Amino acid sequence: TVLTDDPARIMGIGLRDTRAVLLPDDWRFTGR
């Protein structure tokens, strides 16, 4: 399970037994 800000990018890789879960839109953390 990949927690990500870009699920379409993850699913586009085409890996088996892999899913993408969207991170909260309002968190918007950057850097460290």
Full PDB file with SEQRES, HELIX, SHEET, SSBOND, CRYST1, ORIGX, SCALE, CONECT and MASTER records, all heavy atoms in Angstrom:
SEQRES   1 A   32  THR VAL LEU THR ASP ASP PRO ALA ARG ILE MET GLY ILE          
SEQRES   2 A   32  GLY LEU ARG ASP THR ARG ALA VAL LEU LEU PRO ASP ASP          
SEQRES   3 A   32  TRP ARG PHE THR GLY ARG                                      
HELIX    1 AA1 PRO A    7  ILE A   13  1                                   7    
SHEET    1 AA1 2 VAL A   2  THR A   4  0                                        
SHEET    2 AA1 2 ALA A  20  LEU A  22  1                                        
CRYST1    1.000    1.000    1.000  90.00  90.00  90.00 P 1           1          
ORIGX1      1.000000  0.000000  0.000000        0.00000                         
ORIGX2      0.000000  1.000000  0.000000        0.00000                         
ORIGX3      0.000000  0.000000  1.000000        0.00000                         
SCALE1      1.000000  0.000000  0.000000        0.00000                         
SCALE2      0.000000  1.000000  0.000000        0.00000                         
SCALE3      0.000000  0.000000  1.000000        0.00000                         
ATOM      1  N   THR A   1       0.848  -1.188   0.000  1.00  0.00           N  
ATOM      2  CA  THR A   1       0.000   0.000   0.000  1.00  0.00           C  
ATOM      3  C   THR A   1       0.884   1.239   0.000  1.00  0.00           C  
ATOM      4  O   THR A   1       1.741   1.394   0.876  1.00  0.00           O  
ATOM      5  CB  THR A   1      -0.926   0.027   1.233  1.00  0.00           C  
ATOM      6  OG1 THR A   1      -1.824  -1.084   1.165  1.00  0.00           O  
ATOM      7  CG2 THR A   1      -1.732   1.322   1.287  1.00  0.00           C  
ATOM      8  N   VAL A   2       0.681   2.098  -0.985  1.00  0.00           N  
ATOM      9  CA  VAL A   2       1.467   3.312  -1.110  1.00  0.00           C  
ATOM     10  C   VAL A   2       0.584   4.507  -0.739  1.00  0.00           C  
ATOM     11  O   VAL A   2      -0.388   4.809  -1.437  1.00  0.00           O  
ATOM     12  CB  VAL A   2       1.999   3.489  -2.546  1.00  0.00           C  
ATOM     13  CG1 VAL A   2       2.913   4.712  -2.626  1.00  0.00           C  
ATOM     14  CG2 VAL A   2       2.735   2.237  -3.013  1.00  0.00           C  
ATOM     15  N   LEU A   3       0.899   5.150   0.378  1.00  0.00           N  
ATOM     16  CA  LEU A   3       0.214   6.386   0.742  1.00  0.00           C  
ATOM     17  C   LEU A   3       0.880   7.510  -0.027  1.00  0.00           C  
ATOM     18  O   LEU A   3       2.092   7.745   0.125  1.00  0.00           O  
ATOM     19  CB  LEU A   3       0.316   6.632   2.257  1.00  0.00           C  
ATOM     20  CG  LEU A   3      -0.130   5.485   3.175  1.00  0.00           C  
ATOM     21  CD1 LEU A   3      -0.052   5.915   4.633  1.00  0.00           C  
ATOM     22  CD2 LEU A   3      -1.530   5.012   2.826  1.00  0.00           C  
ATOM     23  N   THR A   4       0.127   8.205  -0.864  1.00  0.00           N  
ATOM     24  CA  THR A   4       0.749   9.111  -1.818  1.00  0.00           C  
ATOM     25  C   THR A   4      -0.135  10.299  -2.147  1.00  0.00           C  
ATOM     26  O   THR A   4      -1.366  10.246  -1.995  1.00  0.00           O  
ATOM     27  CB  THR A   4       1.093   8.347  -3.116  1.00  0.00           C  
ATOM     28  OG1 THR A   4       1.693   9.240  -4.060  1.00  0.00           O  
ATOM     29  CG2 THR A   4      -0.165   7.738  -3.732  1.00  0.00           C  
ATOM     30  N   ASP A   5       0.487  11.362  -2.626  1.00  0.00           N  
ATOM     31  CA  ASP A   5      -0.249  12.523  -3.106  1.00  0.00           C  
ATOM     32  C   ASP A   5      -0.546  12.410  -4.599  1.00  0.00           C  
ATOM     33  O   ASP A   5      -1.148  13.306  -5.189  1.00  0.00           O  
ATOM     34  CB  ASP A   5       0.517  13.824  -2.813  1.00  0.00           C  
ATOM     35  CG  ASP A   5       1.962  13.774  -3.308  1.00  0.00           C  
ATOM     36  OD1 ASP A   5       2.361  12.753  -3.909  1.00  0.00           O  
ATOM     37  OD2 ASP A   5       2.705  14.751  -3.080  1.00  0.00           O  
ATOM     38  N   ASP A   6      -0.146  11.297  -5.220  1.00  0.00           N  
ATOM     39  CA  ASP A   6      -0.353  11.113  -6.659  1.00  0.00           C  
ATOM     40  C   ASP A   6      -0.666   9.635  -6.964  1.00  0.00           C  
ATOM     41  O   ASP A   6       0.161   8.908  -7.517  1.00  0.00           O  
ATOM     42  CB  ASP A   6       0.902  11.553  -7.417  1.00  0.00           C  
ATOM     43  CG  ASP A   6       0.670  11.669  -8.915  1.00  0.00           C  
ATOM     44  OD1 ASP A   6      -0.411  11.252  -9.390  1.00  0.00           O  
ATOM     45  OD2 ASP A   6       1.572  12.162  -9.624  1.00  0.00           O  
ATOM     46  N   PRO A   7      -1.883   9.174  -6.616  1.00  0.00           N  
ATOM     47  CA  PRO A   7      -2.234   7.765  -6.851  1.00  0.00           C  
ATOM     48  C   PRO A   7      -2.142   7.343  -8.313  1.00  0.00           C  
ATOM     49  O   PRO A   7      -1.746   6.204  -8.601  1.00  0.00           O  
ATOM     50  CB  PRO A   7      -3.681   7.693  -6.345  1.00  0.00           C  
ATOM     51  CG  PRO A   7      -3.795   8.803  -5.349  1.00  0.00           C  
ATOM     52  CD  PRO A   7      -2.947   9.909  -5.909  1.00  0.00           C  
ATOM     53  N   ALA A   8      -2.509   8.223  -9.228  1.00  0.00           N  
ATOM     54  CA  ALA A   8      -2.475   7.855 -10.646  1.00  0.00           C  
ATOM     55  C   ALA A   8      -1.052   7.522 -11.084  1.00  0.00           C  
ATOM     56  O   ALA A   8      -0.832   6.592 -11.879  1.00  0.00           O  
ATOM     57  CB  ALA A   8      -3.036   8.997 -11.497  1.00  0.00           C  
ATOM     58  N   ARG A   9      -0.102   8.247 -10.566  1.00  0.00           N  
ATOM     59  CA  ARG A   9       1.307   7.980 -10.900  1.00  0.00           C  
ATOM     60  C   ARG A   9       1.717   6.595 -10.405  1.00  0.00           C  
ATOM     61  O   ARG A   9       2.370   5.841 -11.140  1.00  0.00           O  
ATOM     62  CB  ARG A   9       2.189   9.046 -10.265  1.00  0.00           C  
ATOM     63  CG  ARG A   9       3.688   8.831 -10.447  1.00  0.00           C  
ATOM     64  CD  ARG A   9       4.471   9.964  -9.805  1.00  0.00           C  
ATOM     65  NE  ARG A   9       5.908   9.765  -9.886  1.00  0.00           N  
ATOM     66  CZ  ARG A   9       6.808  10.622  -9.392  1.00  0.00           C  
ATOM     67  NH1 ARG A   9       6.398  11.742  -8.796  1.00  0.00           N  
ATOM     68  NH2 ARG A   9       8.104  10.371  -9.508  1.00  0.00           N  
ATOM     69  N   ILE A  10       1.324   6.255  -9.198  1.00  0.00           N  
ATOM     70  CA  ILE A  10       1.690   4.956  -8.640  1.00  0.00           C  
ATOM     71  C   ILE A  10       1.045   3.820  -9.423  1.00  0.00           C  
ATOM     72  O   ILE A  10       1.698   2.840  -9.794  1.00  0.00           O  
ATOM     73  CB  ILE A  10       1.285   4.869  -7.153  1.00  0.00           C  
ATOM     74  CG1 ILE A  10       1.958   5.980  -6.342  1.00  0.00           C  
ATOM     75  CG2 ILE A  10       1.622   3.491  -6.590  1.00  0.00           C  
ATOM     76  CD1 ILE A  10       3.455   5.998  -6.429  1.00  0.00           C  
ATOM     77  N   MET A  11      -0.242   3.942  -9.680  1.00  0.00           N  
ATOM     78  CA  MET A  11      -0.939   2.884 -10.396  1.00  0.00           C  
ATOM     79  C   MET A  11      -0.454   2.766 -11.835  1.00  0.00           C  
ATOM     80  O   MET A  11      -0.529   1.696 -12.441  1.00  0.00           O  
ATOM     81  CB  MET A  11      -2.443   3.115 -10.335  1.00  0.00           C  
ATOM     82  CG  MET A  11      -3.022   3.117  -8.918  1.00  0.00           C  
ATOM     83  SD  MET A  11      -2.458   1.715  -7.900  1.00  0.00           S  
ATOM     84  CE  MET A  11      -3.164   0.334  -8.799  1.00  0.00           C  
ATOM     85  N   GLY A  12       0.061   3.863 -12.383  1.00  0.00           N  
ATOM     86  CA  GLY A  12       0.588   3.833 -13.737  1.00  0.00           C  
ATOM     87  C   GLY A  12       1.866   3.029 -13.876  1.00  0.00           C  
ATOM     88  O   GLY A  12       2.237   2.638 -14.987  1.00  0.00           O  
ATOM     89  N   ILE A  13       2.531   2.763 -12.761  1.00  0.00           N  
ATOM     90  CA  ILE A  13       3.750   1.958 -12.809  1.00  0.00           C  
ATOM     91  C   ILE A  13       3.411   0.516 -13.171  1.00  0.00           C  
ATOM     92  O   ILE A  13       4.196  -0.188 -13.808  1.00  0.00           O  
ATOM     93  CB  ILE A  13       4.501   2.025 -11.467  1.00  0.00           C  
ATOM     94  CG1 ILE A  13       4.886   3.476 -11.148  1.00  0.00           C  
ATOM     95  CG2 ILE A  13       5.748   1.142 -11.496  1.00  0.00           C  
ATOM     96  CD1 ILE A  13       5.512   3.651  -9.769  1.00  0.00           C  
ATOM     97  N   GLY A  14       2.228   0.056 -12.748  1.00  0.00           N  
ATOM     98  CA  GLY A  14       1.753  -1.263 -13.129  1.00  0.00           C  
ATOM     99  C   GLY A  14       2.325  -2.415 -12.324  1.00  0.00           C  
ATOM    100  O   GLY A  14       2.555  -3.495 -12.873  1.00  0.00           O  
ATOM    101  N   LEU A  15       2.532  -2.218 -11.028  1.00  0.00           N  
ATOM    102  CA  LEU A  15       3.075  -3.273 -10.186  1.00  0.00           C  
ATOM    103  C   LEU A  15       1.965  -4.177  -9.673  1.00  0.00           C  
ATOM    104  O   LEU A  15       0.869  -3.717  -9.350  1.00  0.00           O  
ATOM    105  CB  LEU A  15       3.827  -2.666  -8.994  1.00  0.00           C  
ATOM    106  CG  LEU A  15       5.029  -1.784  -9.346  1.00  0.00           C  
ATOM    107  CD1 LEU A  15       5.576  -1.133  -8.085  1.00  0.00           C  
ATOM    108  CD2 LEU A  15       6.102  -2.595 -10.052  1.00  0.00           C  
ATOM    109  N   ARG A  16       2.254  -5.441  -9.527  1.00  0.00           N  
ATOM    110  CA  ARG A  16       1.262  -6.383  -9.022  1.00  0.00           C  
ATOM    111  C   ARG A  16       1.095  -6.213  -7.516  1.00  0.00           C  
ATOM    112  O   ARG A  16       2.007  -5.790  -6.812  1.00  0.00           O  
ATOM    113  CB  ARG A  16       1.672  -7.813  -9.346  1.00  0.00           C  
ATOM    114  CG  ARG A  16       2.874  -8.320  -8.558  1.00  0.00           C  
ATOM    115  CD  ARG A  16       3.102  -9.812  -8.786  1.00  0.00           C  
ATOM    116  NE  ARG A  16       4.124 -10.349  -7.887  1.00  0.00           N  
ATOM    117  CZ  ARG A  16       3.876 -10.739  -6.645  1.00  0.00           C  
ATOM    118  NH1 ARG A  16       2.651 -10.626  -6.143  1.00  0.00           N  
ATOM    119  NH2 ARG A  16       4.847 -11.215  -5.877  1.00  0.00           N  
ATOM    120  N   ASP A  17      -0.076  -6.594  -7.030  1.00  0.00           N  
ATOM    121  CA  ASP A  17      -0.370  -6.562  -5.594  1.00  0.00           C  
ATOM    122  C   ASP A  17       0.048  -5.241  -4.952  1.00  0.00           C  
ATOM    123  O   ASP A  17       0.638  -5.212  -3.868  1.00  0.00           O  
ATOM    124  CB  ASP A  17       0.323  -7.730  -4.881  1.00  0.00           C  
ATOM    125  CG  ASP A  17      -0.196  -9.078  -5.350  1.00  0.00           C  
ATOM    126  OD1 ASP A  17      -1.406  -9.171  -5.665  1.00  0.00           O  
ATOM    127  OD2 ASP A  17       0.589 -10.036  -5.422  1.00  0.00           O  
ATOM    128  N   THR A  18      -0.271  -4.168  -5.632  1.00  0.00           N  
ATOM    129  CA  THR A  18       0.082  -2.832  -5.148  1.00  0.00           C  
ATOM    130  C   THR A  18      -1.123  -1.913  -5.314  1.00  0.00           C  
ATOM    131  O   THR A  18      -1.780  -1.940  -6.361  1.00  0.00           O  
ATOM    132  CB  THR A  18       1.277  -2.257  -5.933  1.00  0.00           C  
ATOM    133  OG1 THR A  18       2.415  -3.117  -5.757  1.00  0.00           O  
ATOM    134  CG2 THR A  18       1.636  -0.857  -5.449  1.00  0.00           C  
ATOM    135  N   ARG A  19      -1.419  -1.137  -4.285  1.00  0.00           N  
ATOM    136  CA  ARG A  19      -2.508  -0.168  -4.372  1.00  0.00           C  
ATOM    137  C   ARG A  19      -1.999   1.195  -3.910  1.00  0.00           C  
ATOM    138  O   ARG A  19      -0.979   1.297  -3.200  1.00  0.00           O  
ATOM    139  CB  ARG A  19      -3.705  -0.592  -3.515  1.00  0.00           C  
ATOM    140  CG  ARG A  19      -3.413  -0.655  -2.028  1.00  0.00           C  
ATOM    141  CD  ARG A  19      -4.662  -0.865  -1.194  1.00  0.00           C  
ATOM    142  NE  ARG A  19      -4.353  -0.967   0.226  1.00  0.00           N  
ATOM    143  CZ  ARG A  19      -5.250  -0.836   1.205  1.00  0.00           C  
ATOM    144  NH1 ARG A  19      -6.536  -0.590   0.917  1.00  0.00           N  
ATOM    145  NH2 ARG A  19      -4.883  -0.956   2.466  1.00  0.00           N  
ATOM    146  N   ALA A  20      -2.698   2.246  -4.314  1.00  0.00           N  
ATOM    147  CA  ALA A  20      -2.348   3.609  -3.926  1.00  0.00           C  
ATOM    148  C   ALA A  20      -3.503   4.208  -3.131  1.00  0.00           C  
ATOM    149  O   ALA A  20      -4.666   4.070  -3.516  1.00  0.00           O  
ATOM    150  CB  ALA A  20      -2.059   4.457  -5.158  1.00  0.00           C  
ATOM    151  N   VAL A  21      -3.184   4.860  -2.029  1.00  0.00           N  
ATOM    152  CA  VAL A  21      -4.173   5.523  -1.189  1.00  0.00           C  
ATOM    153  C   VAL A  21      -3.817   7.002  -1.116  1.00  0.00           C  
ATOM    154  O   VAL A  21      -2.679   7.355  -0.783  1.00  0.00           O  
ATOM    155  CB  VAL A  21      -4.210   4.907   0.228  1.00  0.00           C  
ATOM    156  CG1 VAL A  21      -5.155   5.690   1.131  1.00  0.00           C  
ATOM    157  CG2 VAL A  21      -4.632   3.439   0.155  1.00  0.00           C  
ATOM    158  N   LEU A  22      -4.779   7.842  -1.420  1.00  0.00           N  
ATOM    159  CA  LEU A  22      -4.540   9.285  -1.463  1.00  0.00           C  
ATOM    160  C   LEU A  22      -4.342   9.852  -0.062  1.00  0.00           C  
ATOM    161  O   LEU A  22      -5.150   9.617   0.846  1.00  0.00           O  
ATOM    162  CB  LEU A  22      -5.715   9.985  -2.146  1.00  0.00           C  
ATOM    163  CG  LEU A  22      -5.626  11.517  -2.267  1.00  0.00           C  
ATOM    164  CD1 LEU A  22      -4.463  11.905  -3.174  1.00  0.00           C  
ATOM    165  CD2 LEU A  22      -6.941  12.077  -2.803  1.00  0.00           C  
ATOM    166  N   LEU A  23      -3.282  10.619   0.112  1.00  0.00           N  
ATOM    167  CA  LEU A  23      -3.029  11.330   1.363  1.00  0.00           C  
ATOM    168  C   LEU A  23      -3.996  12.501   1.495  1.00  0.00           C  
ATOM    169  O   LEU A  23      -4.533  12.990   0.485  1.00  0.00           O  
ATOM    170  CB  LEU A  23      -1.587  11.836   1.391  1.00  0.00           C  
ATOM    171  CG  LEU A  23      -0.505  10.766   1.536  1.00  0.00           C  
ATOM    172  CD1 LEU A  23       0.855  11.316   1.137  1.00  0.00           C  
ATOM    173  CD2 LEU A  23      -0.472  10.234   2.972  1.00  0.00           C  
ATOM    174  N   PRO A  24      -4.252  12.971   2.700  1.00  0.00           N  
ATOM    175  CA  PRO A  24      -5.178  14.104   2.885  1.00  0.00           C  
ATOM    176  C   PRO A  24      -4.748  15.332   2.082  1.00  0.00           C  
ATOM    177  O   PRO A  24      -3.583  15.749   2.140  1.00  0.00           O  
ATOM    178  CB  PRO A  24      -5.094  14.376   4.399  1.00  0.00           C  
ATOM    179  CG  PRO A  24      -4.694  13.064   4.997  1.00  0.00           C  
ATOM    180  CD  PRO A  24      -3.758  12.446   4.000  1.00  0.00           C  
ATOM    181  N   ASP A  25      -5.684  15.893   1.345  1.00  0.00           N  
ATOM    182  CA  ASP A  25      -5.379  17.037   0.489  1.00  0.00           C  
ATOM    183  C   ASP A  25      -4.919  18.261   1.268  1.00  0.00           C  
ATOM    184  O   ASP A  25      -4.144  19.078   0.759  1.00  0.00           O  
ATOM    185  CB  ASP A  25      -6.613  17.421  -0.342  1.00  0.00           C  
ATOM    186  CG  ASP A  25      -6.877  16.429  -1.467  1.00  0.00           C  
ATOM    187  OD1 ASP A  25      -5.918  15.768  -1.905  1.00  0.00           O  
ATOM    188  OD2 ASP A  25      -8.037  16.319  -1.896  1.00  0.00           O  
ATOM    189  N   ASP A  26      -5.404  18.405   2.489  1.00  0.00           N  
ATOM    190  CA  ASP A  26      -5.136  19.639   3.225  1.00  0.00           C  
ATOM    191  C   ASP A  26      -3.863  19.589   4.063  1.00  0.00           C  
ATOM    192  O   ASP A  26      -3.537  20.556   4.745  1.00  0.00           O  
ATOM    193  CB  ASP A  26      -6.322  19.996   4.129  1.00  0.00           C  
ATOM    194  CG  ASP A  26      -6.615  18.930   5.172  1.00  0.00           C  
ATOM    195  OD1 ASP A  26      -6.221  17.767   4.941  1.00  0.00           O  
ATOM    196  OD2 ASP A  26      -7.218  19.253   6.205  1.00  0.00           O  
ATOM    197  N   TRP A  27      -3.117  18.490   4.028  1.00  0.00           N  
ATOM    198  CA  TRP A  27      -1.888  18.429   4.824  1.00  0.00           C  
ATOM    199  C   TRP A  27      -0.737  19.130   4.106  1.00  0.00           C  
ATOM    200  O   TRP A  27      -0.082  19.964   4.676  1.00  0.00           O  
ATOM    201  CB  TRP A  27      -1.533  16.981   5.138  1.00  0.00           C  
ATOM    202  CG  TRP A  27      -2.409  16.381   6.202  1.00  0.00           C  
ATOM    203  CD1 TRP A  27      -3.618  16.858   6.622  1.00  0.00           C  
ATOM    204  CD2 TRP A  27      -2.152  15.205   6.971  1.00  0.00           C  
ATOM    205  NE1 TRP A  27      -4.130  16.049   7.608  1.00  0.00           N  
ATOM    206  CE2 TRP A  27      -3.253  15.028   7.844  1.00  0.00           C  
ATOM    207  CE3 TRP A  27      -1.115  14.277   7.006  1.00  0.00           C  
ATOM    208  CZ2 TRP A  27      -3.332  13.959   8.747  1.00  0.00           C  
ATOM    209  CZ3 TRP A  27      -1.191  13.214   7.894  1.00  0.00           C  
ATOM    210  CH2 TRP A  27      -2.283  13.063   8.759  1.00  0.00           C  
ATOM    211  N   ARG A  28      -0.470  18.780   2.880  1.00  0.00           N  
ATOM    212  CA  ARG A  28       0.497  19.481   2.029  1.00  0.00           C  
ATOM    213  C   ARG A  28       1.846  19.715   2.711  1.00  0.00           C  
ATOM    214  O   ARG A  28       2.351  20.835   2.778  1.00  0.00           O  
ATOM    215  CB  ARG A  28      -0.089  20.819   1.555  1.00  0.00           C  
ATOM    216  CG  ARG A  28      -1.365  20.656   0.760  1.00  0.00           C  
ATOM    217  CD  ARG A  28      -1.830  21.935   0.081  1.00  0.00           C  
ATOM    218  NE  ARG A  28      -3.076  21.748  -0.620  1.00  0.00           N  
ATOM    219  CZ  ARG A  28      -3.204  21.173  -1.815  1.00  0.00           C  
ATOM    220  NH1 ARG A  28      -2.131  20.720  -2.429  1.00  0.00           N  
ATOM    221  NH2 ARG A  28      -4.397  21.042  -2.385  1.00  0.00           N  
ATOM    222  N   PHE A  29       2.444  18.659   3.220  1.00  0.00           N  
ATOM    223  CA  PHE A  29       3.775  18.762   3.808  1.00  0.00           C  
ATOM    224  C   PHE A  29       4.823  18.771   2.702  1.00  0.00           C  
ATOM    225  O   PHE A  29       4.628  18.182   1.637  1.00  0.00           O  
ATOM    226  CB  PHE A  29       4.042  17.576   4.752  1.00  0.00           C  
ATOM    227  CG  PHE A  29       3.060  17.476   5.883  1.00  0.00           C  
ATOM    228  CD1 PHE A  29       2.484  16.250   6.209  1.00  0.00           C  
ATOM    229  CD2 PHE A  29       2.708  18.585   6.625  1.00  0.00           C  
ATOM    230  CE1 PHE A  29       1.587  16.139   7.255  1.00  0.00           C  
ATOM    231  CE2 PHE A  29       1.801  18.488   7.677  1.00  0.00           C  
ATOM    232  CZ  PHE A  29       1.245  17.260   7.989  1.00  0.00           C  
ATOM    233  N   THR A  30       5.930  19.427   2.962  1.00  0.00           N  
ATOM    234  CA  THR A  30       7.029  19.478   1.998  1.00  0.00           C  
ATOM    235  C   THR A  30       8.340  19.199   2.714  1.00  0.00           C  
ATOM    236  O   THR A  30       8.438  19.314   3.941  1.00  0.00           O  
ATOM    237  CB  THR A  30       7.112  20.848   1.303  1.00  0.00           C  
ATOM    238  OG1 THR A  30       7.299  21.872   2.303  1.00  0.00           O  
ATOM    239  CG2 THR A  30       5.846  21.142   0.507  1.00  0.00           C  
ATOM    240  N   GLY A  31       9.363  18.852   1.919  1.00  0.00           N  
ATOM    241  CA  GLY A  31      10.692  18.652   2.481  1.00  0.00           C  
ATOM    242  C   GLY A  31      10.689  17.598   3.576  1.00  0.00           C  
ATOM    243  O   GLY A  31      10.022  16.575   3.502  1.00  0.00           O  
ATOM    244  N   ARG A  32      11.432  17.892   4.634  1.00  0.00           N  
ATOM    245  CA  ARG A  32      11.555  16.933   5.732  1.00  0.00           C  
ATOM    246  C   ARG A  32      10.236  16.737   6.475  1.00  0.00           C  
ATOM    247  O   ARG A  32      10.025  15.723   7.132  1.00  0.00           O  
ATOM    248  CB  ARG A  32      12.643  17.387   6.700  1.00  0.00           C  
ATOM    249  CG  ARG A  32      14.024  17.437   6.082  1.00  0.00           C  
ATOM    250  CD  ARG A  32      15.089  17.790   7.091  1.00  0.00           C  
ATOM    251  NE  ARG A  32      15.276  16.732   8.080  1.00  0.00           N  
ATOM    252  CZ  ARG A  32      16.150  16.792   9.074  1.00  0.00           C  
ATOM    253  NH1 ARG A  32      16.918  17.872   9.205  1.00  0.00           N  
ATOM    254  NH2 ARG A  32      16.271  15.800   9.936  1.00  0.00           N  
TER     255      ARG A  32                                                      
MASTER        0    0    0    1    2    0    0    6  254    1    0    3          
END                                                                             
